[in-house]
Structure formats: C-alpha cells, structure tokens
PDB file of N, CA and C in Angstrom:
ATOM      1  N   MET A   1      13.360 -24.986  -7.841  1.00  0.00           N
ATOM      2  CA  MET A   1      13.598 -24.030  -6.743  1.00  0.00           C
ATOM      3  C   MET A   1      14.061 -24.710  -5.330  1.00  0.00           C
ATOM      4  N   SER A   2      14.507 -25.572  -5.263  1.00  0.00           N
ATOM      5  CA  SER A   2      14.867 -26.433  -4.182  1.00  0.00           C
ATOM      6  C   SER A   2      15.629 -25.577  -3.722  1.00  0.00           C
ATOM      7  N   GLY A   3      15.448 -25.665  -2.094  1.00  0.00           N
ATOM      8  CA  GLY A   3      16.454 -24.601  -1.005  1.00  0.00           C
ATOM      9  C   GLY A   3      15.675 -23.266  -1.237  1.00  0.00           C
ATOM     10  N   GLU A   4      15.014 -22.747  -1.732  1.00  0.00           N
ATOM     11  CA  GLU A   4      14.625 -21.702  -1.536  1.00  0.00           C
ATOM     12  C   GLU A   4      13.378 -21.340  -0.439  1.00  0.00           C
ATOM     13  N   ALA A   5      13.131 -20.044  -0.231  1.00  0.00           N
ATOM     14  CA  ALA A   5      12.048 -20.186   1.001  1.00  0.00           C
ATOM     15  C   ALA A   5      10.993 -20.291   0.391  1.00  0.00           C
ATOM     16  N   PRO A   6       9.961 -20.931   1.235  1.00  0.00           N
ATOM     17  CA  PRO A   6       8.640 -21.024   0.318  1.00  0.00           C
ATOM     18  C   PRO A   6       7.792 -19.461   0.610  1.00  0.00           C
ATOM     19  N   HIS A   7       8.143 -18.927   1.224  1.00  0.00           N
ATOM     20  CA  HIS A   7       7.594 -17.531   1.251  1.00  0.00           C
ATOM     21  C   HIS A   7       8.235 -16.392   1.188  1.00  0.00           C
ATOM     22  N   ALA A   8       8.145 -15.273   0.950  1.00  0.00           N
ATOM     23  CA  ALA A   8       8.334 -14.114   1.080  1.00  0.00           C
ATOM     24  C   ALA A   8       9.280 -13.364   2.453  1.00  0.00           C
ATOM     25  N   TRP A   9       8.943 -14.192   3.417  1.00  0.00           N
ATOM     26  CA  TRP A   9       9.918 -13.335   4.607  1.00  0.00           C
ATOM     27  C   TRP A   9      10.537 -14.383   5.282  1.00  0.00           C
ATOM     28  N   THR A  10      11.259 -14.013   5.932  1.00  0.00           N
ATOM     29  CA  THR A  10      12.555 -14.922   6.406  1.00  0.00           C
ATOM     30  C   THR A  10      12.225 -14.418   7.951  1.00  0.00           C
ATOM     31  N   PRO A  11      13.151 -15.041   9.282  1.00  0.00           N
ATOM     32  CA  PRO A  11      13.054 -15.170  10.307  1.00  0.00           C
ATOM     33  C   PRO A  11      14.515 -14.082  10.447  1.00  0.00           C
ATOM     34  N   ALA A  12      14.513 -13.592  11.446  1.00  0.00           N
ATOM     35  CA  ALA A  12      15.609 -12.701  11.684  1.00  0.00           C
ATOM     36  C   ALA A  12      15.848 -12.663  13.458  1.00  0.00           C
ATOM     37  N   ALA A  13      16.988 -12.612  14.044  1.00  0.00           N
ATOM     38  CA  ALA A  13      16.917 -12.358  15.742  1.00  0.00           C
ATOM     39  C   ALA A  13      15.851 -11.326  16.345  1.00  0.00           C
ATOM     40  N   ASP A  14      15.675 -10.514  15.553  1.00  0.00           N
ATOM     41  CA  ASP A  14      14.402  -9.563  16.336  1.00  0.00           C
ATOM     42  C   ASP A  14      13.332  -9.628  15.383  1.00  0.00           C
ATOM     43  N   GLY A  15      12.919 -10.253  14.914  1.00  0.00           N
ATOM     44  CA  GLY A  15      11.607  -9.977  14.022  1.00  0.00           C
ATOM     45  C   GLY A  15      11.619 -11.060  12.544  1.00  0.00           C
ATOM     46  N   LEU A  16      11.213 -10.351  11.332  1.00  0.00           N
ATOM     47  CA  LEU A  16      10.627 -11.133  10.004  1.00  0.00           C
ATOM     48  C   LEU A  16      11.334  -9.737   9.110  1.00  0.00           C
ATOM     49  N   THR A  17      12.145 -10.326   7.964  1.00  0.00           N
ATOM     50  CA  THR A  17      12.535  -9.893   6.831  1.00  0.00           C
ATOM     51  C   THR A  17      11.560 -10.214   5.934  1.00  0.00           C
ATOM     52  N   VAL A  18      10.959  -9.263   5.335  1.00  0.00           N
ATOM     53  CA  VAL A  18      10.152  -9.491   4.257  1.00  0.00           C
ATOM     54  C   VAL A  18       9.863  -8.687   2.912  1.00  0.00           C
ATOM     55  N   THR A  19      10.366  -9.501   1.669  1.00  0.00           N
ATOM     56  CA  THR A  19      10.416  -8.761   0.566  1.00  0.00           C
ATOM     57  C   THR A  19       9.116  -8.812  -0.204  1.00  0.00           C
ATOM     58  N   VAL A  20       8.618  -7.785  -0.719  1.00  0.00           N
ATOM     59  CA  VAL A  20       7.498  -6.902  -0.701  1.00  0.00           C
ATOM     60  C   VAL A  20       7.532  -6.720  -2.193  1.00  0.00           C
ATOM     61  N   ARG A  21       6.910  -7.092  -3.273  1.00  0.00           N
ATOM     62  CA  ARG A  21       6.248  -6.709  -4.934  1.00  0.00           C
ATOM     63  C   ARG A  21       5.424  -5.646  -4.448  1.00  0.00           C
ATOM     64  N   ALA A  22       5.713  -3.956  -4.841  1.00  0.00           N
ATOM     65  CA  ALA A  22       4.814  -3.125  -4.873  1.00  0.00           C
ATOM     66  C   ALA A  22       4.034  -2.541  -5.782  1.00  0.00           C
ATOM     67  N   THR A  23       2.859  -2.532  -5.569  1.00  0.00           N
ATOM     68  CA  THR A  23       2.192  -1.504  -7.167  1.00  0.00           C
ATOM     69  C   THR A  23       1.506  -0.035  -5.988  1.00  0.00           C
ATOM     70  N   PRO A  24       2.228   1.043  -6.440  1.00  0.00           N
ATOM     71  CA  PRO A  24       1.551   2.474  -6.228  1.00  0.00           C
ATOM     72  C   PRO A  24       0.382   2.579  -7.027  1.00  0.00           C
ATOM     73  N   ARG A  25      -0.377   3.545  -6.537  1.00  0.00           N
ATOM     74  CA  ARG A  25      -1.550   3.999  -7.083  1.00  0.00           C
ATOM     75  C   ARG A  25      -2.597   2.873  -7.520  1.00  0.00           C
ATOM     76  N   GLY A  26      -2.573   1.429  -6.843  1.00  0.00           N
ATOM     77  CA  GLY A  26      -3.312   0.527  -6.616  1.00  0.00           C
ATOM     78  C   GLY A  26      -4.528   0.621  -6.648  1.00  0.00           C
ATOM     79  N   GLY A  27      -5.340   1.513  -6.724  1.00  0.00           N
ATOM     80  CA  GLY A  27      -6.745   1.641  -6.108  1.00  0.00           C
ATOM     81  C   GLY A  27      -7.396   1.384  -4.755  1.00  0.00           C
ATOM     82  N   ARG A  28      -6.430   0.590  -3.981  1.00  0.00           N
ATOM     83  CA  ARG A  28      -6.810   0.335  -2.897  1.00  0.00           C
ATOM     84  C   ARG A  28      -5.139   0.041  -1.765  1.00  0.00           C
ATOM     85  N   ASP A  29      -5.367  -0.193  -0.851  1.00  0.00           N
ATOM     86  CA  ASP A  29      -4.126  -0.615   0.059  1.00  0.00           C
ATOM     87  C   ASP A  29      -4.600  -2.009   0.406  1.00  0.00           C
ATOM     88  N   ALA A  30      -3.901  -3.033  -0.348  1.00  0.00           N
ATOM     89  CA  ALA A  30      -4.178  -4.833   0.117  1.00  0.00           C
ATOM     90  C   ALA A  30      -3.206  -5.516  -0.511  1.00  0.00           C
ATOM     91  N   ILE A  31      -2.715  -6.691   0.622  1.00  0.00           N
ATOM     92  CA  ILE A  31      -1.778  -7.673   0.041  1.00  0.00           C
ATOM     93  C   ILE A  31      -2.596  -8.568  -0.610  1.00  0.00           C
ATOM     94  N   ASP A  32      -2.387  -8.872  -1.836  1.00  0.00           N
ATOM     95  CA  ASP A  32      -2.880  -9.875  -3.051  1.00  0.00           C
ATOM     96  C   ASP A  32      -2.299 -11.102  -2.794  1.00  0.00           C
ATOM     97  N   GLY A  33      -1.520 -11.393  -1.892  1.00  0.00           N
ATOM     98  CA  GLY A  33      -0.578 -12.739  -1.666  1.00  0.00           C
ATOM     99  C   GLY A  33       0.897 -12.843  -2.339  1.00  0.00           C
ATOM    100  N   LEU A  34       1.174 -14.065  -2.531  1.00  0.00           N
ATOM    101  CA  LEU A  34       2.141 -14.375  -2.814  1.00  0.00           C
ATOM    102  C   LEU A  34       2.979 -14.583  -4.414  1.00  0.00           C
ATOM    103  N   VAL A  35       4.064 -14.017  -4.776  1.00  0.00           N
ATOM    104  CA  VAL A  35       4.289 -13.809  -6.353  1.00  0.00           C
ATOM    105  C   VAL A  35       5.418 -14.280  -6.534  1.00  0.00           C
ATOM    106  N   ASP A  36       5.670 -15.013  -7.263  1.00  0.00           N
ATOM    107  CA  ASP A  36       6.919 -15.566  -7.726  1.00  0.00           C
ATOM    108  C   ASP A  36       7.799 -15.017  -8.824  1.00  0.00           C
ATOM    109  N   LEU A  37       9.254 -14.525  -8.120  1.00  0.00           N
ATOM    110  CA  LEU A  37       9.526 -13.574  -9.148  1.00  0.00           C
ATOM    111  C   LEU A  37      11.249 -14.622  -9.880  1.00  0.00           C
ATOM    112  N   ALA A  38      10.983 -13.774 -11.488  1.00  0.00           N
ATOM    113  CA  ALA A  38      12.129 -14.204 -11.867  1.00  0.00           C
ATOM    114  C   ALA A  38      13.447 -14.698 -11.400  1.00  0.00           C
ATOM    115  N   ASP A  39      14.035 -14.200 -10.461  1.00  0.00           N
ATOM    116  CA  ASP A  39      15.112 -15.116  -9.702  1.00  0.00           C
ATOM    117  C   ASP A  39      14.745 -16.413  -8.855  1.00  0.00           C
ATOM    118  N   GLY A  40      13.372 -16.564  -8.603  1.00  0.00           N
ATOM    119  CA  GLY A  40      13.360 -17.675  -7.837  1.00  0.00           C
ATOM    120  C   GLY A  40      12.625 -17.636  -6.365  1.00  0.00           C
ATOM    121  N   ARG A  41      12.866 -16.291  -6.169  1.00  0.00           N
ATOM    122  CA  ARG A  41      12.277 -15.834  -4.817  1.00  0.00           C
ATOM    123  C   ARG A  41      10.778 -15.607  -4.736  1.00  0.00           C
ATOM    124  N   ARG A  42      10.638 -15.358  -3.963  1.00  0.00           N
ATOM    125  CA  ARG A  42       9.066 -14.966  -3.439  1.00  0.00           C
ATOM    126  C   ARG A  42       9.029 -13.955  -3.240  1.00  0.00           C
ATOM    127  N   ALA A  43       8.068 -12.865  -3.320  1.00  0.00           N
ATOM    128  CA  ALA A  43       7.626 -11.643  -2.539  1.00  0.00           C
ATOM    129  C   ALA A  43       6.591 -11.497  -2.338  1.00  0.00           C
ATOM    130  N   LEU A  44       5.875 -10.778  -1.160  1.00  0.00           N
ATOM    131  CA  LEU A  44       4.429 -10.348  -0.798  1.00  0.00           C
ATOM    132  C   LEU A  44       4.234  -9.609  -1.898  1.00  0.00           C
ATOM    133  N   LYS A  45       2.798  -9.611  -2.578  1.00  0.00           N
ATOM    134  CA  LYS A  45       2.739  -8.873  -3.465  1.00  0.00           C
ATOM    135  C   LYS A  45       1.454  -7.927  -2.822  1.00  0.00           C
ATOM    136  N   LEU A  46       1.741  -6.411  -3.033  1.00  0.00           N
ATOM    137  CA  LEU A  46       0.636  -5.890  -2.211  1.00  0.00           C
ATOM    138  C   LEU A  46       0.741  -4.589  -3.485  1.00  0.00           C
ATOM    139  N   ARG A  47      -0.663  -3.925  -3.047  1.00  0.00           N
ATOM    140  CA  ARG A  47      -0.896  -2.189  -3.830  1.00  0.00           C
ATOM    141  C   ARG A  47      -1.196  -1.478  -2.609  1.00  0.00           C
ATOM    142  N   VAL A  48      -0.778  -0.174  -2.788  1.00  0.00           N
ATOM    143  CA  VAL A  48      -1.563   0.832  -2.100  1.00  0.00           C
ATOM    144  C   VAL A  48      -1.772   2.032  -2.913  1.00  0.00           C
ATOM    145  N   SER A  49      -2.669   2.747  -2.797  1.00  0.00           N
ATOM    146  CA  SER A  49      -3.469   3.833  -2.901  1.00  0.00           C
ATOM    147  C   SER A  49      -2.860   5.368  -3.596  1.00  0.00           C
ATOM    148  N   VAL A  50      -1.882   5.573  -2.822  1.00  0.00           N
ATOM    149  CA  VAL A  50      -1.000   6.630  -2.809  1.00  0.00           C
ATOM    150  C   VAL A  50       0.104   6.379  -3.790  1.00  0.00           C
ATOM    151  N   ALA A  51       0.845   7.498  -4.730  1.00  0.00           N
ATOM    152  CA  ALA A  51       1.406   7.799  -5.563  1.00  0.00           C
ATOM    153  C   ALA A  51       2.808   7.722  -4.949  1.00  0.00           C
ATOM    154  N   PRO A  52       3.904   7.346  -5.432  1.00  0.00           N
ATOM    155  CA  PRO A  52       5.043   6.753  -5.150  1.00  0.00           C
ATOM    156  C   PRO A  52       5.943   8.246  -5.241  1.00  0.00           C
ATOM    157  N   GLU A  53       5.292   9.154  -4.172  1.00  0.00           N
ATOM    158  CA  GLU A  53       6.367  10.295  -4.037  1.00  0.00           C
ATOM    159  C   GLU A  53       6.384  10.525  -3.137  1.00  0.00           C
ATOM    160  N   ASP A  54       7.474  11.378  -2.463  1.00  0.00           N
ATOM    161  CA  ASP A  54       7.998  11.818  -1.192  1.00  0.00           C
ATOM    162  C   ASP A  54       7.860  10.713  -0.331  1.00  0.00           C
ATOM    163  N   GLY A  55       8.239   9.175  -0.486  1.00  0.00           N
ATOM    164  CA  GLY A  55       8.210   8.963   0.406  1.00  0.00           C
ATOM    165  C   GLY A  55       6.473   7.972   0.677  1.00  0.00           C
ATOM    166  N   LYS A  56       5.726   8.504   0.191  1.00  0.00           N
ATOM    167  CA  LYS A  56       4.185   8.492   0.814  1.00  0.00           C
ATOM    168  C   LYS A  56       3.644   6.725   0.464  1.00  0.00           C
ATOM    169  N   ALA A  57       4.196   6.260  -0.735  1.00  0.00           N
ATOM    170  CA  ALA A  57       3.961   4.561  -1.100  1.00  0.00           C
ATOM    171  C   ALA A  57       4.652   4.333  -0.209  1.00  0.00           C
ATOM    172  N   ASN A  58       5.854   4.372   0.359  1.00  0.00           N
ATOM    173  CA  ASN A  58       6.745   3.500   1.200  1.00  0.00           C
ATOM    174  C   ASN A  58       6.182   3.462   2.622  1.00  0.00           C
ATOM    175  N   ALA A  59       5.442   4.712   3.023  1.00  0.00           N
ATOM    176  CA  ALA A  59       5.229   4.976   4.295  1.00  0.00           C
ATOM    177  C   ALA A  59       3.532   4.115   4.045  1.00  0.00           C
ATOM    178  N   ALA A  60       3.096   4.317   3.014  1.00  0.00           N
ATOM    179  CA  ALA A  60       1.605   3.514   3.276  1.00  0.00           C
ATOM    180  C   ALA A  60       1.850   1.911   3.372  1.00  0.00           C
ATOM    181  N   ILE A  61       2.821   1.241   2.542  1.00  0.00           N
ATOM    182  CA  ILE A  61       3.632   0.051   2.682  1.00  0.00           C
ATOM    183  C   ILE A  61       3.550  -0.620   4.267  1.00  0.00           C
ATOM    184  N   ALA A  62       4.464   0.414   4.508  1.00  0.00           N
ATOM    185  CA  ALA A  62       5.089   0.161   6.270  1.00  0.00           C
ATOM    186  C   ALA A  62       3.565  -0.003   6.990  1.00  0.00           C
ATOM    187  N   ARG A  63       2.696   1.095   6.854  1.00  0.00           N
ATOM    188  CA  ARG A  63       1.286   0.858   7.608  1.00  0.00           C
ATOM    189  C   ARG A  63       0.534  -0.504   7.014  1.00  0.00           C
ATOM    190  N   LEU A  64       0.804  -0.688   5.854  1.00  0.00           N
ATOM    191  CA  LEU A  64      -0.060  -2.194   5.530  1.00  0.00           C
ATOM    192  C   LEU A  64       0.401  -3.151   6.529  1.00  0.00           C
ATOM    193  N   LEU A  65       1.574  -3.552   6.268  1.00  0.00           N
ATOM    194  CA  LEU A  65       2.271  -4.389   6.746  1.00  0.00           C
ATOM    195  C   LEU A  65       2.607  -4.489   8.429  1.00  0.00           C
ATOM    196  N   ALA A  66       2.334  -3.114   8.771  1.00  0.00           N
ATOM    197  CA  ALA A  66       2.370  -3.446  10.199  1.00  0.00           C
ATOM    198  C   ALA A  66       0.994  -3.995  10.712  1.00  0.00           C
ATOM    199  N   LYS A  67      -0.421  -3.360  10.224  1.00  0.00           N
ATOM    200  CA  LYS A  67      -1.641  -3.744  10.140  1.00  0.00           C
ATOM    201  C   LYS A  67      -1.922  -5.149   9.984  1.00  0.00           C
ATOM    202  N   ALA A  68      -1.075  -5.966   9.045  1.00  0.00           N
ATOM    203  CA  ALA A  68      -1.236  -7.341   8.743  1.00  0.00           C
ATOM    204  C   ALA A  68      -0.621  -8.072   9.594  1.00  0.00           C
ATOM    205  N   ALA A  69       0.389  -7.779  10.386  1.00  0.00           N
ATOM    206  CA  ALA A  69       0.885  -8.530  11.003  1.00  0.00           C
ATOM    207  C   ALA A  69       0.642  -8.152  12.833  1.00  0.00           C
ATOM    208  N   GLY A  70      -0.047  -7.273  13.193  1.00  0.00           N
ATOM    209  CA  GLY A  70      -0.788  -6.929  14.005  1.00  0.00           C
ATOM    210  C   GLY A  70       0.415  -6.250  15.129  1.00  0.00           C
ATOM    211  N   VAL A  71       1.412  -5.330  14.316  1.00  0.00           N
ATOM    212  CA  VAL A  71       2.424  -4.624  15.228  1.00  0.00           C
ATOM    213  C   VAL A  71       2.364  -3.254  14.799  1.00  0.00           C
ATOM    214  N   ALA A  72       2.865  -2.575  15.988  1.00  0.00           N
ATOM    215  CA  ALA A  72       3.012  -0.803  15.460  1.00  0.00           C
ATOM    216  C   ALA A  72       3.498  -0.607  14.643  1.00  0.00           C
ATOM    217  N   PRO A  73       3.190   0.730  13.494  1.00  0.00           N
ATOM    218  CA  PRO A  73       3.621   1.279  12.472  1.00  0.00           C
ATOM    219  C   PRO A  73       5.617   1.665  12.581  1.00  0.00           C
ATOM    220  N   SER A  74       5.459   1.892  13.581  1.00  0.00           N
ATOM    221  CA  SER A  74       7.253   2.106  14.344  1.00  0.00           C
ATOM    222  C   SER A  74       7.604   1.067  14.347  1.00  0.00           C
ATOM    223  N   SER A  75       7.320  -0.592  14.397  1.00  0.00           N
ATOM    224  CA  SER A  75       8.061  -1.755  14.205  1.00  0.00           C
ATOM    225  C   SER A  75       8.502  -2.324  12.916  1.00  0.00           C
ATOM    226  N   VAL A  76       7.837  -0.923  11.604  1.00  0.00           N
ATOM    227  CA  VAL A  76       8.188  -1.826  10.474  1.00  0.00           C
ATOM    228  C   VAL A  76       9.526  -0.754   9.520  1.00  0.00           C
ATOM    229  N   GLU A  77      10.598  -0.920   9.115  1.00  0.00           N
ATOM    230  CA  GLU A  77      11.715  -0.260   9.062  1.00  0.00           C
ATOM    231  C   GLU A  77      11.581  -0.816   7.451  1.00  0.00           C
ATOM    232  N   LEU A  78      11.800   0.233   6.491  1.00  0.00           N
ATOM    233  CA  LEU A  78      12.385  -0.265   5.021  1.00  0.00           C
ATOM    234  C   LEU A  78      13.945  -0.388   5.025  1.00  0.00           C
ATOM    235  N   VAL A  79      14.114  -1.323   4.894  1.00  0.00           N
ATOM    236  CA  VAL A  79      15.544  -1.833   4.571  1.00  0.00           C
ATOM    237  C   VAL A  79      16.447  -1.740   3.138  1.00  0.00           C
ATOM    238  N   SER A  80      15.533  -1.735   1.967  1.00  0.00           N
ATOM    239  CA  SER A  80      16.112  -1.721   0.701  1.00  0.00           C
ATOM    240  C   SER A  80      15.123  -1.386  -0.137  1.00  0.00           C
ATOM    241  N   GLY A  81      15.422  -0.793  -0.943  1.00  0.00           N
ATOM    242  CA  GLY A  81      14.298  -0.770  -2.396  1.00  0.00           C
ATOM    243  C   GLY A  81      13.652   0.594  -2.563  1.00  0.00           C
ATOM    244  N   ALA A  82      14.181   1.904  -1.916  1.00  0.00           N
ATOM    245  CA  ALA A  82      13.056   2.812  -1.630  1.00  0.00           C
ATOM    246  C   ALA A  82      12.616   3.229  -2.991  1.00  0.00           C
ATOM    247  N   THR A  83      13.000   3.406  -3.572  1.00  0.00           N
ATOM    248  CA  THR A  83      12.445   3.658  -5.217  1.00  0.00           C
ATOM    249  C   THR A  83      11.981   2.703  -6.188  1.00  0.00           C
ATOM    250  N   ALA A  84      12.189   1.549  -5.861  1.00  0.00           N
ATOM    251  CA  ALA A  84      12.097   0.307  -6.549  1.00  0.00           C
ATOM    252  C   ALA A  84      10.703  -0.504  -6.524  1.00  0.00           C
ATOM    253  N   ARG A  85      10.197  -1.247  -7.260  1.00  0.00           N
ATOM    254  CA  ARG A  85       9.195  -1.597  -6.855  1.00  0.00           C
ATOM    255  C   ARG A  85       9.317  -3.318  -6.019  1.00  0.00           C
ATOM    256  N   LEU A  86      10.623  -3.489  -5.969  1.00  0.00           N
ATOM    257  CA  LEU A  86      10.937  -4.579  -5.145  1.00  0.00           C
ATOM    258  C   LEU A  86      11.541  -3.974  -3.896  1.00  0.00           C
ATOM    259  N   LYS A  87      11.197  -4.354  -2.906  1.00  0.00           N
ATOM    260  CA  LYS A  87      11.752  -3.785  -1.655  1.00  0.00           C
ATOM    261  C   LYS A  87      11.832  -4.753  -0.394  1.00  0.00           C
ATOM    262  N   THR A  88      12.477  -4.602   0.524  1.00  0.00           N
ATOM    263  CA  THR A  88      12.872  -5.565   1.661  1.00  0.00           C
ATOM    264  C   THR A  88      12.487  -4.691   3.284  1.00  0.00           C
ATOM    265  N   PHE A  89      11.372  -4.873   3.925  1.00  0.00           N
ATOM    266  CA  PHE A  89      10.978  -4.498   4.965  1.00  0.00           C
ATOM    267  C   PHE A  89      11.399  -5.669   6.170  1.00  0.00           C
ATOM    268  N   ARG A  90      11.632  -4.965   7.319  1.00  0.00           N
ATOM    269  CA  ARG A  90      11.944  -5.494   8.095  1.00  0.00           C
ATOM    270  C   ARG A  90      11.095  -5.122   9.664  1.00  0.00           C
ATOM    271  N   LEU A  91      10.458  -6.408   9.939  1.00  0.00           N
ATOM    272  CA  LEU A  91       9.218  -5.971  11.003  1.00  0.00           C
ATOM    273  C   LEU A  91       9.810  -6.400  12.635  1.00  0.00           C
ATOM    274  N   LYS A  92      10.092  -5.518  13.995  1.00  0.00           N
ATOM    275  CA  LYS A  92      10.271  -6.035  14.913  1.00  0.00           C
ATOM    276  C   LYS A  92       9.067  -6.844  15.706  1.00  0.00           C
ATOM    277  N   GLY A  93       9.686  -8.140  16.019  1.00  0.00           N
ATOM    278  CA  GLY A  93       8.444  -8.806  16.794  1.00  0.00           C
ATOM    279  C   GLY A  93       9.417  -9.931  17.161  1.00  0.00           C
ATOM    280  N   GLU A  94       8.085 -10.791  17.357  1.00  0.00           N
ATOM    281  CA  GLU A  94       8.477 -12.195  17.862  1.00  0.00           C
ATOM    282  C   GLU A  94       8.593 -13.119  16.563  1.00  0.00           C
ATOM    283  N   PRO A  95       9.899 -13.469  15.462  1.00  0.00           N
ATOM    284  CA  PRO A  95       9.434 -14.172  14.681  1.00  0.00           C
ATOM    285  C   PRO A  95       8.775 -15.270  14.289  1.00  0.00           C
ATOM    286  N   ALA A  96       8.122 -16.166  15.122  1.00  0.00           N
ATOM    287  CA  ALA A  96       7.474 -17.171  14.864  1.00  0.00           C
ATOM    288  C   ALA A  96       5.767 -16.554  14.474  1.00  0.00           C
ATOM    289  N   ALA A  97       5.406 -15.817  15.526  1.00  0.00           N
ATOM    290  CA  ALA A  97       4.182 -15.032  15.989  1.00  0.00           C
ATOM    291  C   ALA A  97       4.016 -14.270  14.106  1.00  0.00           C
ATOM    292  N   LEU A  98       5.108 -13.457  13.948  1.00  0.00           N
ATOM    293  CA  LEU A  98       4.848 -12.533  12.586  1.00  0.00           C
ATOM    294  C   LEU A  98       4.724 -13.582  11.635  1.00  0.00           C
ATOM    295  N   ALA A  99       5.720 -14.523  11.407  1.00  0.00           N
ATOM    296  CA  ALA A  99       5.236 -15.235  10.242  1.00  0.00           C
ATOM    297  C   ALA A  99       4.068 -16.209  10.452  1.00  0.00           C
ATOM    298  N   ALA A 100       3.700 -16.785  11.465  1.00  0.00           N
ATOM    299  CA  ALA A 100       2.467 -17.215  11.581  1.00  0.00           C
ATOM    300  C   ALA A 100       1.184 -16.187  11.023  1.00  0.00           C
ATOM    301  N   ARG A 101       1.055 -15.089  11.464  1.00  0.00           N
ATOM    302  CA  ARG A 101       0.163 -13.981  10.854  1.00  0.00           C
ATOM    303  C   ARG A 101       0.316 -14.010   8.710  1.00  0.00           C
ATOM    304  N   PHE A 102       1.431 -13.980   8.808  1.00  0.00           N
ATOM    305  CA  PHE A 102       1.627 -13.819   7.121  1.00  0.00           C
ATOM    306  C   PHE A 102       1.103 -15.075   6.731  1.00  0.00           C
ATOM    307  N   GLU A 103       1.336 -16.057   7.422  1.00  0.00           N
ATOM    308  CA  GLU A 103       0.715 -17.397   6.761  1.00  0.00           C
ATOM    309  C   GLU A 103      -0.653 -17.743   6.922  1.00  0.00           C
ATOM    310  N   ALA A 104      -0.953 -17.251   7.730  1.00  0.00           N
ATOM    311  CA  ALA A 104      -2.532 -17.521   7.739  1.00  0.00           C
ATOM    312  C   ALA A 104      -3.390 -16.162   6.408  1.00  0.00           C
ATOM    313  N   MET A 105      -2.781 -15.282   6.445  1.00  0.00           N
ATOM    314  CA  MET A 105      -3.229 -14.313   5.575  1.00  0.00           C
ATOM    315  C   MET A 105      -2.955 -14.698   4.335  1.00  0.00           C
ATOM    316  N   VAL A 106      -1.818 -15.073   3.455  1.00  0.00           N
ATOM    317  CA  VAL A 106      -1.740 -15.970   2.445  1.00  0.00           C
ATOM    318  C   VAL A 106      -2.361 -17.294   2.531  1.00  0.00           C
ATOM    319  N   GLY A 107      -2.651 -17.590   3.155  1.00  0.00           N
ATOM    320  CA  GLY A 107      -3.122 -19.477   2.971  1.00  0.00           C
ATOM    321  C   GLY A 107      -2.223 -20.294   2.995  1.00  0.00           C
ATOM    322  N   GLY A 108      -0.546 -20.091   3.657  1.00  0.00           N
ATOM    323  CA  GLY A 108       0.161 -20.858   3.669  1.00  0.00           C
ATOM    324  C   GLY A 108       0.545 -21.857   4.767  1.00  0.00           C
TER     325      GLY A 108
END
C-alpha cells in the first residue's frame, strides 16, 4: 500500500473529501473506525439506523459526519455514491482542523 493515503480523507482547497463505507439499518448511528477496501484505499466505516430509501440514509450519514467534524450539516455534501455503500462526501472547512478531528476520533 505504499503511496496510498493512510486515512479515508484527503485535504481539498476548501475542506476535506471523505470516503465512507456505509451500513444503513445498522441499529444506531455511529462511526466504527477505518476499513481497508479491496483496492487498497481506506474508508470511514459507519452505520446509520435509517433505511436507504428516499435519501434518508445519505442525509443521516451527512449529519453524522457533520457532528463528528464539528461543522454545520449544510457544510457536508454527497459527491458520489448516492445509491452505493461506498460514498464520497465533501466537508467544507479548514482542512487541517477537519482532518485532526477525524484522526482523533479513529485513533490515527
């Protein structure tokens, strides 16, 4: 995995891009740490209690990411993967501060 990012997020000019491996109907809303994907990348593993219908799970994931990062829910945008388990979100804010919040959360 040499050259790969050690975490599921990468800094962007206006924030952070986060790769998420989501489990809808997971019984509770929680971030369960990092998971290694088959292609060598990493994703933030999380679960939400709602079903994946009408965008409800994506909205719950966005709220969970916002809370974890300490930003407003309006600062979180789904970039790709609306109907997939593997999703990409963009969080607006100071990249270093956002990364530090996630690193502290996952023990990284």
